[in-house]
Amino acid sequence: MKRSRDRKREIVTGCACGMACGSWDIRAETTCHCQCSNIDWTSARCCKIEILYGSV
């Protein structure tokens, strides 16, 4: 099991895991959790979400 964490306070939207592992989940919107053993790398795809208020 290996984890990849977002370090910029963005929301994780997708994950990739090494060793052809396709089993993963996103925890607390900030962490990719690969569920296979002997993973050599993980990667998290993140997006910054902004909510803008005001008149158009």
Protein backbone atom coordinates (compact mmCIF):
# COMPACT_ATOMS: atom_id res chain seq x y z
CA MET A 1 0.00 0.00 0.00
CA LYS A 2 1.36 3.41 -0.96
CA ARG A 3 -0.15 6.86 -0.73
CA SER A 4 0.28 10.04 -2.71
CA ARG A 5 -0.84 13.24 -1.08
CA ASP A 6 -1.69 16.63 -2.51
CA ARG A 7 0.68 19.23 -1.06
CA LYS A 8 -0.94 22.41 -2.43
CA ARG A 9 -4.32 22.20 -0.68
CA GLU A 10 -6.09 21.20 -3.87
CA ILE A 11 -8.70 18.46 -4.29
CA VAL A 12 -7.54 15.09 -5.64
CA THR A 13 -9.60 14.10 -8.71
CA GLY A 14 -7.73 10.98 -9.86
CA CYS A 15 -4.90 8.61 -9.04
CA ALA A 16 -2.39 6.36 -10.78
CA CYS A 17 -0.39 3.55 -9.21
CA GLY A 18 2.70 1.66 -10.35
CA MET A 19 3.05 -2.07 -11.01
CA ALA A 20 -0.20 -2.10 -13.08
CA CYS A 21 -2.34 -1.59 -9.98
CA GLY A 22 -5.81 -0.37 -10.92
CA SER A 23 -7.28 -0.52 -7.45
CA TRP A 24 -7.27 2.83 -5.64
CA ASP A 25 -9.50 5.25 -3.79
CA ILE A 26 -9.38 8.91 -2.75
CA ARG A 27 -9.44 9.62 0.97
CA ALA A 28 -10.53 12.92 2.53
CA GLU A 29 -10.27 14.61 -0.91
CA THR A 30 -6.49 14.93 -0.40
CA THR A 31 -4.91 11.46 -0.53
CA CYS A 32 -4.65 8.73 -3.18
CA HIS A 33 -4.63 5.29 -1.60
CA CYS A 34 -3.36 2.46 -3.83
CA GLN A 35 -4.69 -0.88 -2.61
CA CYS A 36 -2.11 -3.23 -4.18
CA SER A 37 1.03 -4.47 -2.44
CA ASN A 38 4.58 -3.72 -3.63
CA ILE A 39 3.70 -0.44 -5.37
CA ASP A 40 6.80 1.43 -6.54
CA TRP A 41 5.13 4.80 -7.24
CA THR A 42 1.86 6.72 -6.92
CA SER A 43 0.60 9.89 -8.56
CA ALA A 44 -2.29 12.18 -7.70
CA ARG A 45 -4.11 14.42 -10.18
CA CYS A 46 -5.38 17.52 -8.40
CA CYS A 47 -7.58 20.51 -9.16
CA LYS A 48 -7.83 23.84 -7.40
CA ILE A 49 -11.47 24.69 -6.77
CA GLU A 50 -12.40 28.36 -6.47
CA ILE A 51 -15.81 29.73 -5.66
CA LEU A 52 -16.24 33.32 -6.76
CA TYR A 53 -19.00 35.50 -5.42
CA GLY A 54 -20.20 38.74 -6.91
CA SER A 55 -22.22 40.19 -9.73
CA VAL A 56 -21.81 39.13 -13.33
